[in-house]
Amino acid sequence: MIADLTQVSQSANAAVSLVIACTIFLHQLVTKYVAIGDRLRQLTDELRQHDDEGHRHHSLREQVGLYHDRAQTIRRALFWLAIAEFAFIVVIVLSVLDIVVPGHTAIKAAGIGFTLFGLALIAVAIGLEIYENSQFRVALDKEVADLVDQPQ
């Protein structure tokens, strides 16, 4: 039996939408990761130029640590989101298999399992991004900590 192409494409539509959503989220996180990495490089360069142990040196050390932690958090979110995207690609393949080779409960169960796994990983990535966003305020405060007139 040859499967109907319309039936195959309709079966995979939800998983394709999840792959697209993951890709958009991945792009947003990569953009943030690059910006944080650039700022981290600027801060480490400035820290290397400040040999004195003054207030600015201390502020730079704190900022480098904070930006390093933020970069690591985004890197972890990217990892889990990429795994989620892979899980949804597996769901697409399983959807096609379920139509081409109908009647196998194991294919359906695996599809449901990979869908739930992918959704859980998206939740993990979102949680990591929320945590990283909370670190952003601290980063901003550290940026101006060595100024005389700090905003309140």
C-alpha atoms as a PDB file:
ATOM      1  CA  MET A   1       0.000   0.000   0.000  1.00  0.00           C
ATOM      2  CA  ILE A   2       1.311   3.438  -0.965  1.00  0.00           C
ATOM      3  CA  ALA A   3       0.428   6.204   1.492  1.00  0.00           C
ATOM      4  CA  ASP A   4      -1.426   9.296   0.354  1.00  0.00           C
ATOM      5  CA  LEU A   5       0.930  12.299   0.302  1.00  0.00           C
ATOM      6  CA  THR A   6      -1.757  14.573   1.760  1.00  0.00           C
ATOM      7  CA  GLN A   7      -2.273  12.201   4.675  1.00  0.00           C
ATOM      8  CA  VAL A   8       1.505  12.046   5.296  1.00  0.00           C
ATOM      9  CA  SER A   9       1.918  15.827   5.264  1.00  0.00           C
ATOM     10  CA  GLN A  10      -1.106  16.387   7.517  1.00  0.00           C
ATOM     11  CA  SER A  11       0.207  13.837   9.989  1.00  0.00           C
ATOM     12  CA  ALA A  12       3.537  15.642  10.333  1.00  0.00           C
ATOM     13  CA  ASN A  13       2.166  19.223  10.429  1.00  0.00           C
ATOM     14  CA  ALA A  14       2.121  19.653  14.222  1.00  0.00           C
ATOM     15  CA  ALA A  15       5.676  18.355  14.605  1.00  0.00           C
ATOM     16  CA  VAL A  16       6.861  20.565  11.738  1.00  0.00           C
ATOM     17  CA  SER A  17       5.320  23.551  13.517  1.00  0.00           C
ATOM     18  CA  LEU A  18       7.225  22.613  16.677  1.00  0.00           C
ATOM     19  CA  VAL A  19      10.477  22.344  14.692  1.00  0.00           C
ATOM     20  CA  ILE A  20       9.861  25.820  13.269  1.00  0.00           C
ATOM     21  CA  ALA A  21       9.096  27.212  16.739  1.00  0.00           C
ATOM     22  CA  CYS A  22      12.278  25.618  18.118  1.00  0.00           C
ATOM     23  CA  THR A  23      14.298  27.092  15.262  1.00  0.00           C
ATOM     24  CA  ILE A  24      12.962  30.583  15.966  1.00  0.00           C
ATOM     25  CA  PHE A  25      13.717  30.199  19.686  1.00  0.00           C
ATOM     26  CA  LEU A  26      17.187  28.810  18.870  1.00  0.00           C
ATOM     27  CA  HIS A  27      17.899  31.845  16.685  1.00  0.00           C
ATOM     28  CA  GLN A  28      16.831  34.205  19.447  1.00  0.00           C
ATOM     29  CA  LEU A  29      19.052  32.420  21.986  1.00  0.00           C
ATOM     30  CA  VAL A  30      22.034  32.307  19.600  1.00  0.00           C
ATOM     31  CA  THR A  31      21.692  36.054  19.024  1.00  0.00           C
ATOM     32  CA  LYS A  32      21.686  36.627  22.784  1.00  0.00           C
ATOM     33  CA  TYR A  33      24.614  34.211  23.243  1.00  0.00           C
ATOM     34  CA  VAL A  34      26.709  36.088  20.668  1.00  0.00           C
ATOM     35  CA  ALA A  35      25.940  39.454  22.301  1.00  0.00           C
ATOM     36  CA  ILE A  36      26.826  38.139  25.759  1.00  0.00           C
ATOM     37  CA  GLY A  37      30.014  36.580  24.380  1.00  0.00           C
ATOM     38  CA  ASP A  38      31.021  39.858  22.745  1.00  0.00           C
ATOM     39  CA  ARG A  39      30.439  41.755  25.980  1.00  0.00           C
ATOM     40  CA  LEU A  40      32.378  39.114  27.922  1.00  0.00           C
ATOM     41  CA  ARG A  41      35.346  39.551  25.558  1.00  0.00           C
ATOM     42  CA  GLN A  42      35.205  43.345  26.010  1.00  0.00           C
ATOM     43  CA  LEU A  43      35.136  43.004  29.782  1.00  0.00           C
ATOM     44  CA  THR A  44      38.018  40.512  29.886  1.00  0.00           C
ATOM     45  CA  ASP A  45      40.078  42.770  27.617  1.00  0.00           C
ATOM     46  CA  GLU A  46      39.413  45.735  29.888  1.00  0.00           C
ATOM     47  CA  LEU A  47      40.186  43.645  32.982  1.00  0.00           C
ATOM     48  CA  ARG A  48      43.534  42.595  31.519  1.00  0.00           C
ATOM     49  CA  GLN A  49      44.386  46.265  30.962  1.00  0.00           C
ATOM     50  CA  HIS A  50      43.563  47.212  34.588  1.00  0.00           C
ATOM     51  CA  ASP A  51      46.424  45.848  36.648  1.00  0.00           C
ATOM     52  CA  ASP A  52      45.549  47.880  39.735  1.00  0.00           C
ATOM     53  CA  GLU A  53      43.281  46.389  42.369  1.00  0.00           C
ATOM     54  CA  GLY A  54      40.995  49.442  42.531  1.00  0.00           C
ATOM     55  CA  HIS A  55      37.222  49.650  42.524  1.00  0.00           C
ATOM     56  CA  ARG A  56      37.002  49.366  38.715  1.00  0.00           C
ATOM     57  CA  HIS A  57      39.151  46.209  38.770  1.00  0.00           C
ATOM     58  CA  HIS A  58      36.826  44.644  41.355  1.00  0.00           C
ATOM     59  CA  SER A  59      33.744  45.685  39.354  1.00  0.00           C
ATOM     60  CA  LEU A  60      35.219  44.211  36.170  1.00  0.00           C
ATOM     61  CA  ARG A  61      35.962  40.903  37.920  1.00  0.00           C
ATOM     62  CA  GLU A  62      32.352  40.678  39.114  1.00  0.00           C
ATOM     63  CA  GLN A  63      31.031  41.527  35.658  1.00  0.00           C
ATOM     64  CA  VAL A  64      33.257  38.932  33.965  1.00  0.00           C
ATOM     65  CA  GLY A  65      31.974  36.274  36.350  1.00  0.00           C
ATOM     66  CA  LEU A  66      28.379  37.310  35.804  1.00  0.00           C
ATOM     67  CA  TYR A  67      28.630  37.404  32.007  1.00  0.00           C
ATOM     68  CA  HIS A  68      30.419  34.061  32.044  1.00  0.00           C
ATOM     69  CA  ASP A  69      27.569  32.555  34.087  1.00  0.00           C
ATOM     70  CA  ARG A  70      24.982  34.100  31.736  1.00  0.00           C
ATOM     71  CA  ALA A  71      26.790  32.682  28.699  1.00  0.00           C
ATOM     72  CA  GLN A  72      26.900  29.230  30.295  1.00  0.00           C
ATOM     73  CA  THR A  73      23.177  29.387  31.089  1.00  0.00           C
ATOM     74  CA  ILE A  74      22.308  30.319  27.499  1.00  0.00           C
ATOM     75  CA  ARG A  75      24.650  27.589  26.213  1.00  0.00           C
ATOM     76  CA  ARG A  76      22.763  25.033  28.310  1.00  0.00           C
ATOM     77  CA  ALA A  77      19.412  26.330  27.029  1.00  0.00           C
ATOM     78  CA  LEU A  78      20.699  26.034  23.450  1.00  0.00           C
ATOM     79  CA  PHE A  79      21.778  22.447  24.075  1.00  0.00           C
ATOM     80  CA  TRP A  80      18.409  21.341  25.462  1.00  0.00           C
ATOM     81  CA  LEU A  81      16.506  23.215  22.785  1.00  0.00           C
ATOM     82  CA  ALA A  82      18.556  21.545  20.042  1.00  0.00           C
ATOM     83  CA  ILE A  83      17.782  18.136  21.577  1.00  0.00           C
ATOM     84  CA  ALA A  84      14.072  19.099  21.634  1.00  0.00           C
ATOM     85  CA  GLU A  85      14.231  20.040  17.972  1.00  0.00           C
ATOM     86  CA  PHE A  86      15.830  16.688  17.194  1.00  0.00           C
ATOM     87  CA  ALA A  87      13.033  14.939  19.132  1.00  0.00           C
ATOM     88  CA  PHE A  88      10.429  16.704  16.988  1.00  0.00           C
ATOM     89  CA  ILE A  89      12.246  15.636  13.823  1.00  0.00           C
ATOM     90  CA  VAL A  90      12.023  12.063  15.119  1.00  0.00           C
ATOM     91  CA  VAL A  91       8.274  12.640  15.633  1.00  0.00           C
ATOM     92  CA  ILE A  92       7.973  13.697  11.974  1.00  0.00           C
ATOM     93  CA  VAL A  93       9.715  10.493  10.861  1.00  0.00           C
ATOM     94  CA  LEU A  94       7.510   8.413  13.169  1.00  0.00           C
ATOM     95  CA  SER A  95       4.382  10.145  11.822  1.00  0.00           C
ATOM     96  CA  VAL A  96       5.336   9.191   8.285  1.00  0.00           C
ATOM     97  CA  LEU A  97       6.184   5.639   9.372  1.00  0.00           C
ATOM     98  CA  ASP A  98       2.823   5.336  11.118  1.00  0.00           C
ATOM     99  CA  ILE A  99       1.074   6.061   7.829  1.00  0.00           C
ATOM    100  CA  VAL A 100       3.369   3.990   5.623  1.00  0.00           C
ATOM    101  CA  VAL A 101       3.331   1.025   8.044  1.00  0.00           C
ATOM    102  CA  PRO A 102      -0.014   1.371   9.847  1.00  0.00           C
ATOM    103  CA  GLY A 103      -1.131  -0.547  12.889  1.00  0.00           C
ATOM    104  CA  HIS A 104       2.058  -0.595  14.940  1.00  0.00           C
ATOM    105  CA  THR A 105       1.351   0.555  18.482  1.00  0.00           C
ATOM    106  CA  ALA A 106       5.070   0.940  19.177  1.00  0.00           C
ATOM    107  CA  ILE A 107       5.357   3.663  16.497  1.00  0.00           C
ATOM    108  CA  LYS A 108       2.429   5.583  18.004  1.00  0.00           C
ATOM    109  CA  ALA A 109       3.815   5.220  21.529  1.00  0.00           C
ATOM    110  CA  ALA A 110       7.268   6.356  20.445  1.00  0.00           C
ATOM    111  CA  GLY A 111       5.731   9.372  18.686  1.00  0.00           C
ATOM    112  CA  ILE A 112       3.845  10.385  21.802  1.00  0.00           C
ATOM    113  CA  GLY A 113       6.931   9.795  23.945  1.00  0.00           C
ATOM    114  CA  PHE A 114       9.198  11.903  21.733  1.00  0.00           C
ATOM    115  CA  THR A 115       6.578  14.661  21.574  1.00  0.00           C
ATOM    116  CA  LEU A 116       6.314  14.835  25.369  1.00  0.00           C
ATOM    117  CA  PHE A 117      10.109  14.631  25.685  1.00  0.00           C
ATOM    118  CA  GLY A 118      10.560  17.510  23.238  1.00  0.00           C
ATOM    119  CA  LEU A 119       7.951  19.633  25.007  1.00  0.00           C
ATOM    120  CA  ALA A 120       9.621  18.991  28.371  1.00  0.00           C
ATOM    121  CA  LEU A 121      12.972  20.076  26.929  1.00  0.00           C
ATOM    122  CA  ILE A 122      11.433  23.267  25.568  1.00  0.00           C
ATOM    123  CA  ALA A 123      10.181  23.952  29.093  1.00  0.00           C
ATOM    124  CA  VAL A 124      13.720  23.411  30.426  1.00  0.00           C
ATOM    125  CA  ALA A 125      15.142  25.832  27.835  1.00  0.00           C
ATOM    126  CA  ILE A 126      12.505  28.434  28.691  1.00  0.00           C
ATOM    127  CA  GLY A 127      13.278  28.023  32.401  1.00  0.00           C
ATOM    128  CA  LEU A 128      16.983  28.553  31.726  1.00  0.00           C
ATOM    129  CA  GLU A 129      16.243  31.669  29.699  1.00  0.00           C
ATOM    130  CA  ILE A 130      14.018  33.036  32.471  1.00  0.00           C
ATOM    131  CA  TYR A 131      16.865  32.451  34.932  1.00  0.00           C
ATOM    132  CA  GLU A 132      19.343  34.164  32.584  1.00  0.00           C
ATOM    133  CA  ASN A 133      16.975  37.121  32.207  1.00  0.00           C
ATOM    134  CA  SER A 134      16.910  37.513  35.984  1.00  0.00           C
ATOM    135  CA  GLN A 135      20.709  37.746  35.903  1.00  0.00           C
ATOM    136  CA  PHE A 136      20.491  40.627  33.418  1.00  0.00           C
ATOM    137  CA  ARG A 137      19.410  43.159  36.063  1.00  0.00           C
ATOM    138  CA  VAL A 138      22.392  42.211  38.196  1.00  0.00           C
ATOM    139  CA  ALA A 139      24.635  42.646  35.141  1.00  0.00           C
ATOM    140  CA  LEU A 140      23.251  46.125  34.544  1.00  0.00           C
ATOM    141  CA  ASP A 141      23.805  47.075  38.191  1.00  0.00           C
ATOM    142  CA  LYS A 142      27.415  45.858  37.992  1.00  0.00           C
ATOM    143  CA  GLU A 143      27.973  47.885  34.819  1.00  0.00           C
ATOM    144  CA  VAL A 144      27.343  51.145  36.679  1.00  0.00           C
ATOM    145  CA  ALA A 145      28.600  50.132  40.132  1.00  0.00           C
ATOM    146  CA  ASP A 146      31.855  52.079  39.801  1.00  0.00           C
ATOM    147  CA  LEU A 147      30.191  55.328  38.704  1.00  0.00           C
ATOM    148  CA  VAL A 148      29.863  58.205  41.134  1.00  0.00           C
ATOM    149  CA  ASP A 149      26.200  58.959  40.384  1.00  0.00           C
ATOM    150  CA  GLN A 150      24.490  55.598  40.259  1.00  0.00           C
ATOM    151  CA  PRO A 151      20.879  55.440  39.131  1.00  0.00           C
ATOM    152  CA  GLN A 152      18.524  54.210  41.833  1.00  0.00           C
END
